[in-house]
Amino acid sequence: MEKVNEKNLVDFIIDYESGQLDDKGILNLFSHLIKSGKAWSMQGSYGRASRLLIEQGFISEEGNIDESRIKT
């Protein structure tokens, strides 16, 4: 899967909003949003989803994905 970066961020957000991202894609998107700080300045649902992923241990406070939590 392609990594999220500033050039393709909008494409990932569109795919997320339209339900086209798989679990890995969602984690990659939110990891990027948390690392960049954008998760906390975007629409409230992004901040809430980011906080939930952190609380559930999928992503660290720093935005790192816990690969052991990803089902293959």
N, C-alpha and C. Protein backbone atom coordinates (compact mmCIF):
# COMPACT_ATOMS: atom_id res chain seq x y z
N MET A 1 0.84 -1.19 0.00
CA MET A 1 0.00 0.00 0.00
C MET A 1 0.88 1.24 0.00
N GLU A 2 0.42 2.21 -0.73
CA GLU A 2 1.10 3.49 -0.82
C GLU A 2 1.05 4.21 0.53
N LYS A 3 2.16 4.86 0.88
CA LYS A 3 2.20 5.64 2.12
C LYS A 3 1.54 7.00 1.90
N VAL A 4 0.93 7.50 2.94
CA VAL A 4 0.30 8.82 2.88
C VAL A 4 1.38 9.88 2.97
N ASN A 5 1.28 10.89 2.11
CA ASN A 5 2.19 12.04 2.17
C ASN A 5 1.38 13.28 1.79
N GLU A 6 2.03 14.42 1.80
CA GLU A 6 1.30 15.67 1.54
C GLU A 6 0.75 15.72 0.11
N LYS A 7 1.39 15.04 -0.83
CA LYS A 7 0.93 15.08 -2.22
C LYS A 7 -0.33 14.24 -2.43
N ASN A 8 -0.48 13.14 -1.69
CA ASN A 8 -1.64 12.27 -1.91
C ASN A 8 -2.63 12.29 -0.75
N LEU A 9 -2.44 13.18 0.20
CA LEU A 9 -3.30 13.24 1.38
C LEU A 9 -4.77 13.43 1.02
N VAL A 10 -5.04 14.34 0.11
CA VAL A 10 -6.44 14.61 -0.27
C VAL A 10 -7.07 13.35 -0.88
N ASP A 11 -6.32 12.63 -1.69
CA ASP A 11 -6.84 11.39 -2.28
C ASP A 11 -7.19 10.38 -1.19
N PHE A 12 -6.32 10.25 -0.17
CA PHE A 12 -6.60 9.34 0.93
C PHE A 12 -7.83 9.77 1.71
N ILE A 13 -7.98 11.07 1.93
CA ILE A 13 -9.15 11.56 2.66
C ILE A 13 -10.42 11.28 1.86
N ILE A 14 -10.38 11.51 0.56
CA ILE A 14 -11.55 11.22 -0.28
C ILE A 14 -11.89 9.73 -0.22
N ASP A 15 -10.87 8.88 -0.32
CA ASP A 15 -11.11 7.44 -0.23
C ASP A 15 -11.67 7.05 1.13
N TYR A 16 -11.17 7.66 2.19
CA TYR A 16 -11.67 7.39 3.54
C TYR A 16 -13.14 7.80 3.65
N GLU A 17 -13.44 9.02 3.19
CA GLU A 17 -14.80 9.56 3.29
C GLU A 17 -15.79 8.72 2.48
N SER A 18 -15.32 8.09 1.39
CA SER A 18 -16.22 7.31 0.54
C SER A 18 -16.20 5.83 0.88
N GLY A 19 -15.49 5.47 1.97
CA GLY A 19 -15.49 4.08 2.43
C GLY A 19 -14.64 3.14 1.60
N GLN A 20 -13.66 3.67 0.87
CA GLN A 20 -12.85 2.86 -0.02
C GLN A 20 -11.52 2.43 0.56
N LEU A 21 -11.20 2.84 1.79
CA LEU A 21 -9.92 2.45 2.40
C LEU A 21 -10.11 1.19 3.24
N ASP A 22 -9.15 0.27 3.14
CA ASP A 22 -9.17 -0.89 4.03
C ASP A 22 -8.57 -0.48 5.37
N ASP A 23 -8.51 -1.43 6.31
CA ASP A 23 -8.02 -1.11 7.66
C ASP A 23 -6.60 -0.55 7.63
N LYS A 24 -5.74 -1.13 6.82
CA LYS A 24 -4.35 -0.64 6.74
C LYS A 24 -4.31 0.79 6.20
N GLY A 25 -5.14 1.06 5.20
CA GLY A 25 -5.20 2.40 4.64
C GLY A 25 -5.68 3.42 5.65
N ILE A 26 -6.67 3.04 6.44
CA ILE A 26 -7.19 3.93 7.49
C ILE A 26 -6.10 4.21 8.52
N LEU A 27 -5.40 3.17 8.94
CA LEU A 27 -4.33 3.37 9.92
C LEU A 27 -3.22 4.24 9.34
N ASN A 28 -2.87 4.03 8.08
CA ASN A 28 -1.84 4.87 7.45
C ASN A 28 -2.28 6.33 7.38
N LEU A 29 -3.54 6.55 7.04
CA LEU A 29 -4.05 7.92 6.98
C LEU A 29 -4.00 8.58 8.35
N PHE A 30 -4.55 7.90 9.35
CA PHE A 30 -4.60 8.52 10.67
C PHE A 30 -3.22 8.64 11.31
N SER A 31 -2.33 7.73 11.00
CA SER A 31 -0.95 7.86 11.47
C SER A 31 -0.34 9.15 10.94
N HIS A 32 -0.53 9.39 9.66
CA HIS A 32 -0.01 10.62 9.05
C HIS A 32 -0.65 11.86 9.68
N LEU A 33 -1.97 11.82 9.85
CA LEU A 33 -2.67 12.97 10.42
C LEU A 33 -2.20 13.27 11.84
N ILE A 34 -1.95 12.22 12.63
CA ILE A 34 -1.48 12.42 14.00
C ILE A 34 -0.05 12.94 14.00
N LYS A 35 0.82 12.31 13.21
CA LYS A 35 2.22 12.75 13.15
C LYS A 35 2.34 14.20 12.72
N SER A 36 1.52 14.61 11.76
CA SER A 36 1.61 15.97 11.23
C SER A 36 0.87 16.98 12.09
N GLY A 37 0.03 16.50 13.03
CA GLY A 37 -0.76 17.39 13.86
C GLY A 37 -2.07 17.81 13.22
N LYS A 38 -2.29 17.41 11.98
CA LYS A 38 -3.52 17.80 11.28
C LYS A 38 -4.77 17.18 11.90
N ALA A 39 -4.62 16.03 12.53
CA ALA A 39 -5.79 15.35 13.12
C ALA A 39 -6.51 16.25 14.12
N TRP A 40 -5.78 17.14 14.74
CA TRP A 40 -6.35 17.96 15.82
C TRP A 40 -6.90 19.29 15.31
N SER A 41 -6.68 19.61 14.04
CA SER A 41 -7.18 20.87 13.49
C SER A 41 -8.22 20.67 12.39
N MET A 42 -8.47 19.43 12.03
CA MET A 42 -9.47 19.13 11.01
C MET A 42 -10.86 19.02 11.64
N GLN A 43 -11.84 18.69 10.83
CA GLN A 43 -13.21 18.44 11.30
C GLN A 43 -13.16 17.54 12.52
N GLY A 44 -14.04 17.76 13.46
CA GLY A 44 -14.02 17.06 14.74
C GLY A 44 -14.00 15.55 14.67
N SER A 45 -14.63 14.97 13.65
CA SER A 45 -14.67 13.51 13.56
C SER A 45 -13.27 12.92 13.36
N TYR A 46 -12.37 13.68 12.73
CA TYR A 46 -11.00 13.18 12.55
C TYR A 46 -10.25 13.15 13.87
N GLY A 47 -10.44 14.16 14.68
CA GLY A 47 -9.82 14.18 16.00
C GLY A 47 -10.37 13.08 16.89
N ARG A 48 -11.67 12.89 16.84
CA ARG A 48 -12.29 11.83 17.65
C ARG A 48 -11.83 10.45 17.20
N ALA A 49 -11.76 10.22 15.90
CA ALA A 49 -11.30 8.93 15.39
C ALA A 49 -9.83 8.71 15.75
N SER A 50 -9.03 9.76 15.67
CA SER A 50 -7.61 9.66 16.03
C SER A 50 -7.47 9.29 17.50
N ARG A 51 -8.22 9.96 18.35
CA ARG A 51 -8.17 9.68 19.80
C ARG A 51 -8.59 8.24 20.07
N LEU A 52 -9.62 7.75 19.39
CA LEU A 52 -10.08 6.38 19.57
C LEU A 52 -9.01 5.37 19.15
N LEU A 53 -8.36 5.62 18.02
CA LEU A 53 -7.30 4.71 17.56
C LEU A 53 -6.12 4.70 18.54
N ILE A 54 -5.84 5.85 19.14
CA ILE A 54 -4.78 5.91 20.16
C ILE A 54 -5.21 5.16 21.41
N GLU A 55 -6.42 5.42 21.88
CA GLU A 55 -6.91 4.77 23.10
C GLU A 55 -6.99 3.26 22.95
N GLN A 56 -7.32 2.79 21.75
CA GLN A 56 -7.42 1.35 21.50
C GLN A 56 -6.08 0.70 21.20
N GLY A 57 -5.01 1.50 21.13
CA GLY A 57 -3.67 0.98 20.98
C GLY A 57 -3.24 0.68 19.55
N PHE A 58 -4.01 1.11 18.57
CA PHE A 58 -3.62 0.88 17.18
C PHE A 58 -2.52 1.84 16.74
N ILE A 59 -2.57 3.06 17.28
CA ILE A 59 -1.59 4.10 16.93
C ILE A 59 -1.14 4.75 18.23
N SER A 60 0.15 5.05 18.31
CA SER A 60 0.69 5.71 19.51
C SER A 60 0.38 7.21 19.47
N GLU A 61 0.58 7.87 20.60
CA GLU A 61 0.39 9.32 20.68
C GLU A 61 1.25 10.06 19.66
N GLU A 62 2.38 9.45 19.28
CA GLU A 62 3.30 10.06 18.32
C GLU A 62 2.89 9.76 16.87
N GLY A 63 1.91 8.86 16.70
CA GLY A 63 1.44 8.54 15.37
C GLY A 63 2.01 7.28 14.78
N ASN A 64 2.70 6.49 15.58
CA ASN A 64 3.27 5.24 15.08
C ASN A 64 2.26 4.11 15.18
N ILE A 65 2.14 3.34 14.10
CA ILE A 65 1.19 2.23 14.05
C ILE A 65 1.78 1.03 14.78
N ASP A 66 0.97 0.38 15.61
CA ASP A 66 1.37 -0.86 16.27
C ASP A 66 1.07 -1.99 15.29
N GLU A 67 2.08 -2.41 14.56
CA GLU A 67 1.92 -3.42 13.50
C GLU A 67 1.38 -4.73 14.05
N SER A 68 1.63 -5.02 15.32
CA SER A 68 1.17 -6.29 15.89
C SER A 68 -0.36 -6.33 16.03
N ARG A 69 -1.00 -5.18 15.94
CA ARG A 69 -2.47 -5.10 16.09
C ARG A 69 -3.19 -5.26 14.75
N ILE A 70 -2.43 -5.29 13.65
CA ILE A 70 -3.04 -5.37 12.32
C ILE A 70 -3.24 -6.83 11.94
N LYS A 71 -4.49 -7.16 11.61
CA LYS A 71 -4.79 -8.52 11.16
C LYS A 71 -4.38 -8.68 9.71
N THR A 72 -3.77 -9.79 9.40
CA THR A 72 -3.34 -10.01 8.01
C THR A 72 -4.29 -10.93 7.28
